[in-house]
PDB file of N, CA and C in Angstrom:
ATOM      1  N   UNK A   1     -65.731 -18.568 112.944  1.00  0.00           N
ATOM      2  CA  UNK A   1     -65.467 -18.496 111.804  1.00  0.00           C
ATOM      3  C   UNK A   1     -64.670 -20.063 111.495  1.00  0.00           C
ATOM      4  N   UNK A   2     -64.837 -20.467 110.593  1.00  0.00           N
ATOM      5  CA  UNK A   2     -64.354 -21.950 109.902  1.00  0.00           C
ATOM      6  C   UNK A   2     -62.941 -21.685 109.717  1.00  0.00           C
ATOM      7  N   UNK A   3     -62.030 -22.746 109.917  1.00  0.00           N
ATOM      8  CA  UNK A   3     -60.796 -22.729 109.526  1.00  0.00           C
ATOM      9  C   UNK A   3     -60.429 -22.872 107.947  1.00  0.00           C
ATOM     10  N   UNK A   4     -59.855 -22.569 107.394  1.00  0.00           N
ATOM     11  CA  UNK A   4     -59.544 -22.825 105.596  1.00  0.00           C
ATOM     12  C   UNK A   4     -59.249 -24.229 105.491  1.00  0.00           C
ATOM     13  N   UNK A   5     -59.862 -24.936 104.548  1.00  0.00           N
ATOM     14  CA  UNK A   5     -59.867 -26.262 104.569  1.00  0.00           C
ATOM     15  C   UNK A   5     -58.482 -26.585 103.851  1.00  0.00           C
ATOM     16  N   UNK A   6     -57.932 -26.293 103.231  1.00  0.00           N
ATOM     17  CA  UNK A   6     -56.675 -26.374 102.693  1.00  0.00           C
ATOM     18  C   UNK A   6     -55.784 -24.752 102.568  1.00  0.00           C
ATOM     19  N   UNK A   7     -54.607 -24.997 102.271  1.00  0.00           N
ATOM     20  CA  UNK A   7     -53.769 -23.954 102.348  1.00  0.00           C
ATOM     21  C   UNK A   7     -53.704 -23.519 100.813  1.00  0.00           C
ATOM     22  N   UNK A   8     -54.203 -24.386 100.046  1.00  0.00           N
ATOM     23  CA  UNK A   8     -54.566 -23.852  98.175  1.00  0.00           C
ATOM     24  C   UNK A   8     -55.703 -23.249  98.005  1.00  0.00           C
ATOM     25  N   UNK A   9     -56.864 -23.205  99.109  1.00  0.00           N
ATOM     26  CA  UNK A   9     -58.045 -22.787  98.853  1.00  0.00           C
ATOM     27  C   UNK A   9     -57.949 -21.077  98.304  1.00  0.00           C
ATOM     28  N   UNK A  10     -57.192 -20.344  98.906  1.00  0.00           N
ATOM     29  CA  UNK A  10     -56.912 -18.825  98.716  1.00  0.00           C
ATOM     30  C   UNK A  10     -56.530 -19.021  96.986  1.00  0.00           C
ATOM     31  N   UNK A  11     -55.420 -19.651  96.819  1.00  0.00           N
ATOM     32  CA  UNK A  11     -54.831 -19.535  95.483  1.00  0.00           C
ATOM     33  C   UNK A  11     -55.839 -20.084  94.410  1.00  0.00           C
ATOM     34  N   UNK A  12     -56.641 -21.016  94.719  1.00  0.00           N
ATOM     35  CA  UNK A  12     -57.496 -21.604  93.786  1.00  0.00           C
ATOM     36  C   UNK A  12     -58.552 -20.649  93.405  1.00  0.00           C
ATOM     37  N   UNK A  13     -59.010 -19.836  94.587  1.00  0.00           N
ATOM     38  CA  UNK A  13     -60.137 -19.007  94.424  1.00  0.00           C
ATOM     39  C   UNK A  13     -59.683 -17.707  93.508  1.00  0.00           C
ATOM     40  N   UNK A  14     -58.369 -17.439  93.683  1.00  0.00           N
ATOM     41  CA  UNK A  14     -58.017 -16.145  92.998  1.00  0.00           C
ATOM     42  C   UNK A  14     -57.512 -16.511  91.443  1.00  0.00           C
ATOM     43  N   UNK A  15     -57.429 -17.811  91.421  1.00  0.00           N
ATOM     44  CA  UNK A  15     -57.006 -18.296  89.904  1.00  0.00           C
ATOM     45  C   UNK A  15     -58.455 -18.379  89.347  1.00  0.00           C
ATOM     46  N   UNK A  16     -59.465 -18.991  89.719  1.00  0.00           N
ATOM     47  CA  UNK A  16     -60.890 -18.865  89.254  1.00  0.00           C
ATOM     48  C   UNK A  16     -61.202 -17.519  88.938  1.00  0.00           C
ATOM     49  N   UNK A  17     -60.894 -16.667  90.064  1.00  0.00           N
ATOM     50  CA  UNK A  17     -61.469 -15.188  89.621  1.00  0.00           C
ATOM     51  C   UNK A  17     -60.868 -14.622  88.503  1.00  0.00           C
ATOM     52  N   UNK A  18     -59.433 -14.954  88.378  1.00  0.00           N
ATOM     53  CA  UNK A  18     -58.666 -14.428  87.114  1.00  0.00           C
ATOM     54  C   UNK A  18     -59.255 -14.846  85.990  1.00  0.00           C
ATOM     55  N   UNK A  19     -59.600 -16.099  85.787  1.00  0.00           N
ATOM     56  CA  UNK A  19     -60.268 -16.676  84.750  1.00  0.00           C
ATOM     57  C   UNK A  19     -61.463 -16.023  84.381  1.00  0.00           C
ATOM     58  N   UNK A  20     -62.235 -15.617  85.350  1.00  0.00           N
ATOM     59  CA  UNK A  20     -63.619 -15.020  85.279  1.00  0.00           C
ATOM     60  C   UNK A  20     -63.519 -13.686  84.727  1.00  0.00           C
ATOM     61  N   UNK A  21     -62.462 -13.019  85.145  1.00  0.00           N
ATOM     62  CA  UNK A  21     -62.183 -11.376  84.767  1.00  0.00           C
ATOM     63  C   UNK A  21     -61.646 -11.706  83.193  1.00  0.00           C
ATOM     64  N   UNK A  22     -60.851 -12.557  82.782  1.00  0.00           N
ATOM     65  CA  UNK A  22     -60.352 -12.939  81.505  1.00  0.00           C
ATOM     66  C   UNK A  22     -61.578 -12.957  80.557  1.00  0.00           C
ATOM     67  N   UNK A  23     -62.470 -13.817  81.075  1.00  0.00           N
ATOM     68  CA  UNK A  23     -63.814 -14.237  80.019  1.00  0.00           C
ATOM     69  C   UNK A  23     -64.769 -12.889  80.097  1.00  0.00           C
ATOM     70  N   UNK A  24     -64.759 -12.368  81.113  1.00  0.00           N
ATOM     71  CA  UNK A  24     -65.506 -10.955  81.050  1.00  0.00           C
ATOM     72  C   UNK A  24     -65.078  -9.914  80.291  1.00  0.00           C
ATOM     73  N   UNK A  25     -63.711  -9.750  80.049  1.00  0.00           N
ATOM     74  CA  UNK A  25     -63.073  -8.941  79.061  1.00  0.00           C
ATOM     75  C   UNK A  25     -63.018  -9.253  77.752  1.00  0.00           C
ATOM     76  N   UNK A  26     -63.668 -10.289  77.322  1.00  0.00           N
ATOM     77  CA  UNK A  26     -63.648 -10.746  75.941  1.00  0.00           C
ATOM     78  C   UNK A  26     -65.119  -9.936  75.263  1.00  0.00           C
ATOM     79  N   UNK A  27     -64.898  -9.697  73.904  1.00  0.00           N
ATOM     80  CA  UNK A  27     -65.815  -8.955  73.234  1.00  0.00           C
ATOM     81  C   UNK A  27     -66.692  -9.849  72.868  1.00  0.00           C
ATOM     82  N   UNK A  28     -67.920  -9.372  72.903  1.00  0.00           N
ATOM     83  CA  UNK A  28     -68.928 -10.499  72.138  1.00  0.00           C
ATOM     84  C   UNK A  28     -69.648 -11.270  73.316  1.00  0.00           C
ATOM     85  N   UNK A  29     -69.639 -11.137  74.369  1.00  0.00           N
ATOM     86  CA  UNK A  29     -70.101 -11.958  75.619  1.00  0.00           C
ATOM     87  C   UNK A  29     -71.351 -11.439  75.659  1.00  0.00           C
ATOM     88  N   UNK A  30     -72.171 -12.468  75.903  1.00  0.00           N
ATOM     89  CA  UNK A  30     -73.736 -11.791  76.021  1.00  0.00           C
ATOM     90  C   UNK A  30     -74.094 -11.321  77.446  1.00  0.00           C
ATOM     91  N   UNK A  31     -75.414 -10.653  77.636  1.00  0.00           N
ATOM     92  CA  UNK A  31     -75.593 -10.197  79.107  1.00  0.00           C
ATOM     93  C   UNK A  31     -75.942 -11.229  80.004  1.00  0.00           C
ATOM     94  N   UNK A  32     -76.599 -12.331  79.574  1.00  0.00           N
ATOM     95  CA  UNK A  32     -76.667 -13.400  80.471  1.00  0.00           C
ATOM     96  C   UNK A  32     -75.434 -14.256  80.872  1.00  0.00           C
ATOM     97  N   UNK A  33     -74.494 -14.305  79.969  1.00  0.00           N
ATOM     98  CA  UNK A  33     -73.366 -14.924  80.588  1.00  0.00           C
ATOM     99  C   UNK A  33     -72.426 -13.994  81.379  1.00  0.00           C
ATOM    100  N   UNK A  34     -72.420 -12.669  80.913  1.00  0.00           N
ATOM    101  CA  UNK A  34     -71.777 -11.545  81.952  1.00  0.00           C
ATOM    102  C   UNK A  34     -72.123 -11.728  83.284  1.00  0.00           C
ATOM    103  N   UNK A  35     -73.661 -11.648  83.394  1.00  0.00           N
ATOM    104  CA  UNK A  35     -74.153 -11.578  84.549  1.00  0.00           C
ATOM    105  C   UNK A  35     -73.681 -12.952  85.448  1.00  0.00           C
ATOM    106  N   UNK A  36     -74.097 -14.153  84.860  1.00  0.00           N
ATOM    107  CA  UNK A  36     -73.387 -15.291  85.614  1.00  0.00           C
ATOM    108  C   UNK A  36     -72.064 -15.241  85.931  1.00  0.00           C
ATOM    109  N   UNK A  37     -71.087 -14.831  85.192  1.00  0.00           N
ATOM    110  CA  UNK A  37     -69.798 -15.050  85.417  1.00  0.00           C
ATOM    111  C   UNK A  37     -69.431 -13.988  86.529  1.00  0.00           C
ATOM    112  N   UNK A  38     -70.094 -12.554  86.744  1.00  0.00           N
ATOM    113  CA  UNK A  38     -70.118 -11.591  87.798  1.00  0.00           C
ATOM    114  C   UNK A  38     -70.750 -12.365  88.913  1.00  0.00           C
ATOM    115  N   UNK A  39     -71.626 -13.077  88.901  1.00  0.00           N
ATOM    116  CA  UNK A  39     -72.158 -13.823  90.207  1.00  0.00           C
ATOM    117  C   UNK A  39     -71.001 -14.851  90.738  1.00  0.00           C
ATOM    118  N   UNK A  40     -70.361 -15.367  89.898  1.00  0.00           N
ATOM    119  CA  UNK A  40     -69.343 -16.454  90.209  1.00  0.00           C
ATOM    120  C   UNK A  40     -68.136 -15.822  90.645  1.00  0.00           C
ATOM    121  N   UNK A  41     -67.619 -14.606  89.932  1.00  0.00           N
ATOM    122  CA  UNK A  41     -66.494 -14.081  90.631  1.00  0.00           C
ATOM    123  C   UNK A  41     -66.940 -13.476  91.990  1.00  0.00           C
ATOM    124  N   UNK A  42     -68.238 -12.859  92.225  1.00  0.00           N
ATOM    125  CA  UNK A  42     -68.205 -12.388  93.591  1.00  0.00           C
ATOM    126  C   UNK A  42     -68.266 -13.413  94.462  1.00  0.00           C
ATOM    127  N   UNK A  43     -68.634 -14.800  94.156  1.00  0.00           N
ATOM    128  CA  UNK A  43     -68.645 -15.691  95.159  1.00  0.00           C
ATOM    129  C   UNK A  43     -67.172 -16.113  95.574  1.00  0.00           C
ATOM    130  N   UNK A  44     -66.353 -16.254  94.183  1.00  0.00           N
ATOM    131  CA  UNK A  44     -64.770 -16.552  94.531  1.00  0.00           C
ATOM    132  C   UNK A  44     -64.339 -15.234  95.422  1.00  0.00           C
ATOM    133  N   UNK A  45     -64.762 -14.182  95.159  1.00  0.00           N
ATOM    134  CA  UNK A  45     -63.953 -13.060  95.925  1.00  0.00           C
ATOM    135  C   UNK A  45     -64.233 -13.239  97.352  1.00  0.00           C
ATOM    136  N   UNK A  46     -65.592 -13.583  97.620  1.00  0.00           N
ATOM    137  CA  UNK A  46     -65.943 -13.898  99.129  1.00  0.00           C
ATOM    138  C   UNK A  46     -65.212 -15.182  99.795  1.00  0.00           C
ATOM    139  N   UNK A  47     -65.097 -15.861  98.849  1.00  0.00           N
ATOM    140  CA  UNK A  47     -64.328 -17.271  99.476  1.00  0.00           C
ATOM    141  C   UNK A  47     -62.861 -16.740  99.832  1.00  0.00           C
ATOM    142  N   UNK A  48     -62.155 -15.965  98.953  1.00  0.00           N
ATOM    143  CA  UNK A  48     -60.971 -15.429  99.051  1.00  0.00           C
ATOM    144  C   UNK A  48     -60.717 -14.473 100.345  1.00  0.00           C
ATOM    145  N   UNK A  49     -61.769 -13.666 100.458  1.00  0.00           N
ATOM    146  CA  UNK A  49     -61.903 -12.840 101.618  1.00  0.00           C
ATOM    147  C   UNK A  49     -61.935 -13.646 103.100  1.00  0.00           C
ATOM    148  N   UNK A  50     -62.915 -14.560 102.883  1.00  0.00           N
ATOM    149  CA  UNK A  50     -62.872 -15.466 104.196  1.00  0.00           C
ATOM    150  C   UNK A  50     -61.767 -16.102 104.526  1.00  0.00           C
ATOM    151  N   UNK A  51     -61.209 -16.593 103.529  1.00  0.00           N
ATOM    152  CA  UNK A  51     -59.761 -17.487 103.780  1.00  0.00           C
ATOM    153  C   UNK A  51     -58.714 -16.288 104.281  1.00  0.00           C
ATOM    154  N   UNK A  52     -58.639 -15.122 103.949  1.00  0.00           N
ATOM    155  CA  UNK A  52     -57.643 -13.967 104.354  1.00  0.00           C
ATOM    156  C   UNK A  52     -58.072 -13.667 105.636  1.00  0.00           C
ATOM    157  N   UNK A  53     -59.492 -13.501 106.261  1.00  0.00           N
ATOM    158  CA  UNK A  53     -59.819 -13.210 107.346  1.00  0.00           C
ATOM    159  C   UNK A  53     -59.375 -14.145 108.554  1.00  0.00           C
ATOM    160  N   UNK A  54     -59.445 -15.416 108.287  1.00  0.00           N
ATOM    161  CA  UNK A  54     -59.218 -16.407 108.821  1.00  0.00           C
ATOM    162  C   UNK A  54     -57.549 -16.478 109.125  1.00  0.00           C
ATOM    163  N   UNK A  55     -56.992 -16.485 108.057  1.00  0.00           N
ATOM    164  CA  UNK A  55     -55.390 -16.281 108.133  1.00  0.00           C
ATOM    165  C   UNK A  55     -55.046 -15.522 108.869  1.00  0.00           C
ATOM    166  N   UNK A  56     -55.690 -14.044 108.841  1.00  0.00           N
ATOM    167  CA  UNK A  56     -55.072 -12.765 109.408  1.00  0.00           C
ATOM    168  C   UNK A  56     -55.119 -12.994 110.769  1.00  0.00           C
ATOM    169  N   UNK A  57     -56.177 -13.653 111.382  1.00  0.00           N
ATOM    170  CA  UNK A  57     -56.288 -13.971 112.847  1.00  0.00           C
ATOM    171  C   UNK A  57     -55.323 -14.781 113.297  1.00  0.00           C
ATOM    172  N   UNK A  58     -54.748 -15.642 112.604  1.00  0.00           N
ATOM    173  CA  UNK A  58     -53.599 -16.709 113.024  1.00  0.00           C
ATOM    174  C   UNK A  58     -52.380 -16.170 112.863  1.00  0.00           C
ATOM    175  N   UNK A  59     -52.105 -15.140 112.443  1.00  0.00           N
ATOM    176  CA  UNK A  59     -50.667 -14.487 112.078  1.00  0.00           C
ATOM    177  C   UNK A  59     -50.000 -14.168 113.379  1.00  0.00           C
ATOM    178  N   UNK A  60     -48.911 -14.796 113.851  1.00  0.00           N
ATOM    179  CA  UNK A  60     -48.444 -14.475 115.152  1.00  0.00           C
ATOM    180  C   UNK A  60     -46.771 -14.388 114.889  1.00  0.00           C
ATOM    181  N   UNK A  61     -46.206 -13.641 115.836  1.00  0.00           N
ATOM    182  CA  UNK A  61     -44.646 -13.546 115.669  1.00  0.00           C
ATOM    183  C   UNK A  61     -44.068 -14.381 116.811  1.00  0.00           C
ATOM    184  N   UNK A  62     -43.080 -15.147 116.601  1.00  0.00           N
ATOM    185  CA  UNK A  62     -42.403 -15.790 117.619  1.00  0.00           C
ATOM    186  C   UNK A  62     -41.114 -14.674 118.160  1.00  0.00           C
ATOM    187  N   UNK A  63     -41.398 -14.324 119.397  1.00  0.00           N
ATOM    188  CA  UNK A  63     -40.356 -13.739 120.092  1.00  0.00           C
ATOM    189  C   UNK A  63     -39.656 -14.662 121.266  1.00  0.00           C
ATOM    190  N   UNK A  64     -38.658 -14.493 121.529  1.00  0.00           N
ATOM    191  CA  UNK A  64     -37.941 -14.920 122.648  1.00  0.00           C
ATOM    192  C   UNK A  64     -38.047 -14.378 123.989  1.00  0.00           C
ATOM    193  N   UNK A  65     -38.522 -15.131 125.002  1.00  0.00           N
ATOM    194  CA  UNK A  65     -38.774 -14.521 126.149  1.00  0.00           C
ATOM    195  C   UNK A  65     -37.576 -14.645 127.077  1.00  0.00           C
ATOM    196  N   UNK A  66     -37.558 -13.849 128.285  1.00  0.00           N
ATOM    197  CA  UNK A  66     -36.488 -13.502 128.911  1.00  0.00           C
ATOM    198  C   UNK A  66     -35.865 -14.745 129.586  1.00  0.00           C
ATOM    199  N   UNK A  67     -36.606 -15.730 129.301  1.00  0.00           N
ATOM    200  CA  UNK A  67     -36.029 -17.256 130.073  1.00  0.00           C
ATOM    201  C   UNK A  67     -34.963 -17.965 128.649  1.00  0.00           C
ATOM    202  N   UNK A  68     -35.378 -17.245 127.303  1.00  0.00           N
ATOM    203  CA  UNK A  68     -34.889 -17.839 126.255  1.00  0.00           C
ATOM    204  C   UNK A  68     -35.602 -18.656 125.527  1.00  0.00           C
ATOM    205  N   UNK A  69     -36.706 -18.841 125.899  1.00  0.00           N
ATOM    206  CA  UNK A  69     -37.627 -19.723 125.370  1.00  0.00           C
ATOM    207  C   UNK A  69     -38.384 -19.074 124.064  1.00  0.00           C
ATOM    208  N   UNK A  70     -38.949 -19.716 122.964  1.00  0.00           N
ATOM    209  CA  UNK A  70     -39.594 -19.043 121.911  1.00  0.00           C
ATOM    210  C   UNK A  70     -41.143 -18.917 122.829  1.00  0.00           C
ATOM    211  N   UNK A  71     -41.684 -17.738 122.387  1.00  0.00           N
ATOM    212  CA  UNK A  71     -43.166 -17.692 122.673  1.00  0.00           C
ATOM    213  C   UNK A  71     -43.692 -16.959 121.319  1.00  0.00           C
ATOM    214  N   UNK A  72     -45.122 -17.450 121.272  1.00  0.00           N
ATOM    215  CA  UNK A  72     -45.794 -16.596 120.157  1.00  0.00           C
ATOM    216  C   UNK A  72     -46.798 -15.366 120.699  1.00  0.00           C
ATOM    217  N   UNK A  73     -46.754 -14.440 120.074  1.00  0.00           N
ATOM    218  CA  UNK A  73     -47.614 -13.468 120.427  1.00  0.00           C
ATOM    219  C   UNK A  73     -48.392 -12.831 119.167  1.00  0.00           C
ATOM    220  N   UNK A  74     -49.392 -12.351 118.962  1.00  0.00           N
ATOM    221  CA  UNK A  74     -50.158 -11.819 117.937  1.00  0.00           C
ATOM    222  C   UNK A  74     -49.322 -10.744 117.437  1.00  0.00           C
ATOM    223  N   UNK A  75     -49.231 -10.703 115.968  1.00  0.00           N
ATOM    224  CA  UNK A  75     -48.368  -9.553 115.234  1.00  0.00           C
ATOM    225  C   UNK A  75     -49.202  -8.339 115.634  1.00  0.00           C
ATOM    226  N   UNK A  76     -48.276  -7.320 115.887  1.00  0.00           N
ATOM    227  CA  UNK A  76     -48.925  -5.939 116.149  1.00  0.00           C
ATOM    228  C   UNK A  76     -49.628  -5.336 114.811  1.00  0.00           C
ATOM    229  N   UNK A  77     -50.735  -4.641 114.996  1.00  0.00           N
ATOM    230  CA  UNK A  77     -51.472  -4.152 113.782  1.00  0.00           C
ATOM    231  C   UNK A  77     -51.994  -4.991 112.758  1.00  0.00           C
ATOM    232  N   UNK A  78     -52.014  -6.100 113.280  1.00  0.00           N
ATOM    233  CA  UNK A  78     -53.021  -7.057 112.232  1.00  0.00           C
ATOM    234  C   UNK A  78     -54.380  -7.132 112.674  1.00  0.00           C
ATOM    235  N   UNK A  79     -55.083  -7.296 111.572  1.00  0.00           N
ATOM    236  CA  UNK A  79     -56.514  -7.114 111.810  1.00  0.00           C
ATOM    237  C   UNK A  79     -57.124  -8.429 112.315  1.00  0.00           C
ATOM    238  N   UNK A  80     -57.989  -8.580 113.248  1.00  0.00           N
ATOM    239  CA  UNK A  80     -58.546  -9.906 113.675  1.00  0.00           C
ATOM    240  C   UNK A  80     -59.589 -10.300 112.812  1.00  0.00           C
ATOM    241  N   UNK A  81     -60.277 -11.528 112.885  1.00  0.00           N
ATOM    242  CA  UNK A  81     -61.247 -11.947 111.975  1.00  0.00           C
ATOM    243  C   UNK A  81     -62.581 -11.052 112.157  1.00  0.00           C
ATOM    244  N   UNK A  82     -62.530 -10.335 113.494  1.00  0.00           N
ATOM    245  CA  UNK A  82     -63.828  -9.712 113.694  1.00  0.00           C
ATOM    246  C   UNK A  82     -63.700  -8.241 113.230  1.00  0.00           C
ATOM    247  N   UNK A  83     -62.551  -7.760 112.708  1.00  0.00           N
ATOM    248  CA  UNK A  83     -62.476  -6.808 111.884  1.00  0.00           C
ATOM    249  C   UNK A  83     -61.746  -5.634 112.958  1.00  0.00           C
ATOM    250  N   UNK A  84     -61.204  -6.006 114.275  1.00  0.00           N
ATOM    251  CA  UNK A  84     -60.668  -4.957 115.012  1.00  0.00           C
ATOM    252  C   UNK A  84     -59.090  -5.102 115.111  1.00  0.00           C
ATOM    253  N   UNK A  85     -58.261  -4.355 114.939  1.00  0.00           N
ATOM    254  CA  UNK A  85     -56.970  -4.254 115.089  1.00  0.00           C
ATOM    255  C   UNK A  85     -56.516  -4.720 116.457  1.00  0.00           C
ATOM    256  N   UNK A  86     -55.410  -5.293 116.605  1.00  0.00           N
ATOM    257  CA  UNK A  86     -54.812  -5.627 117.907  1.00  0.00           C
ATOM    258  C   UNK A  86     -53.851  -4.669 118.189  1.00  0.00           C
ATOM    259  N   UNK A  87     -54.290  -3.792 119.062  1.00  0.00           N
ATOM    260  CA  UNK A  87     -53.210  -2.743 119.622  1.00  0.00           C
ATOM    261  C   UNK A  87     -52.207  -3.295 120.519  1.00  0.00           C
ATOM    262  N   UNK A  88     -50.899  -2.979 120.161  1.00  0.00           N
ATOM    263  CA  UNK A  88     -49.775  -3.366 121.066  1.00  0.00           C
ATOM    264  C   UNK A  88     -49.523  -4.873 121.091  1.00  0.00           C
ATOM    265  N   UNK A  89     -50.104  -5.661 120.235  1.00  0.00           N
ATOM    266  CA  UNK A  89     -49.934  -6.953 120.251  1.00  0.00           C
ATOM    267  C   UNK A  89     -51.007  -7.602 121.021  1.00  0.00           C
ATOM    268  N   UNK A  90     -51.839  -7.037 121.652  1.00  0.00           N
ATOM    269  CA  UNK A  90     -53.083  -7.748 122.651  1.00  0.00           C
ATOM    270  C   UNK A  90     -53.920  -8.620 121.868  1.00  0.00           C
ATOM    271  N   UNK A  91     -54.262  -9.767 122.062  1.00  0.00           N
ATOM    272  CA  UNK A  91     -55.017 -10.779 121.617  1.00  0.00           C
ATOM    273  C   UNK A  91     -56.609 -10.042 121.470  1.00  0.00           C
TER     274      UNK A  91
END
């Protein structure tokens, strides 16, 4: 899975999705326009979901080891990009 191109990609996709929903809520929208907007909304939703999947695989917590050094370990209960939970912090 590819890395998100920028940290703002998620926010941009959500903002575009909100604008699409607002346009779909308007009265008097034609069927063709509604279908086109729906398709755009599905695309933005997919982008946001892919970004979240990638980000969730990168979530880690820092812990102090017995030597006093900080070490990163996967956050417990965080779903990996392959859709599997990490039991007890296992990668």
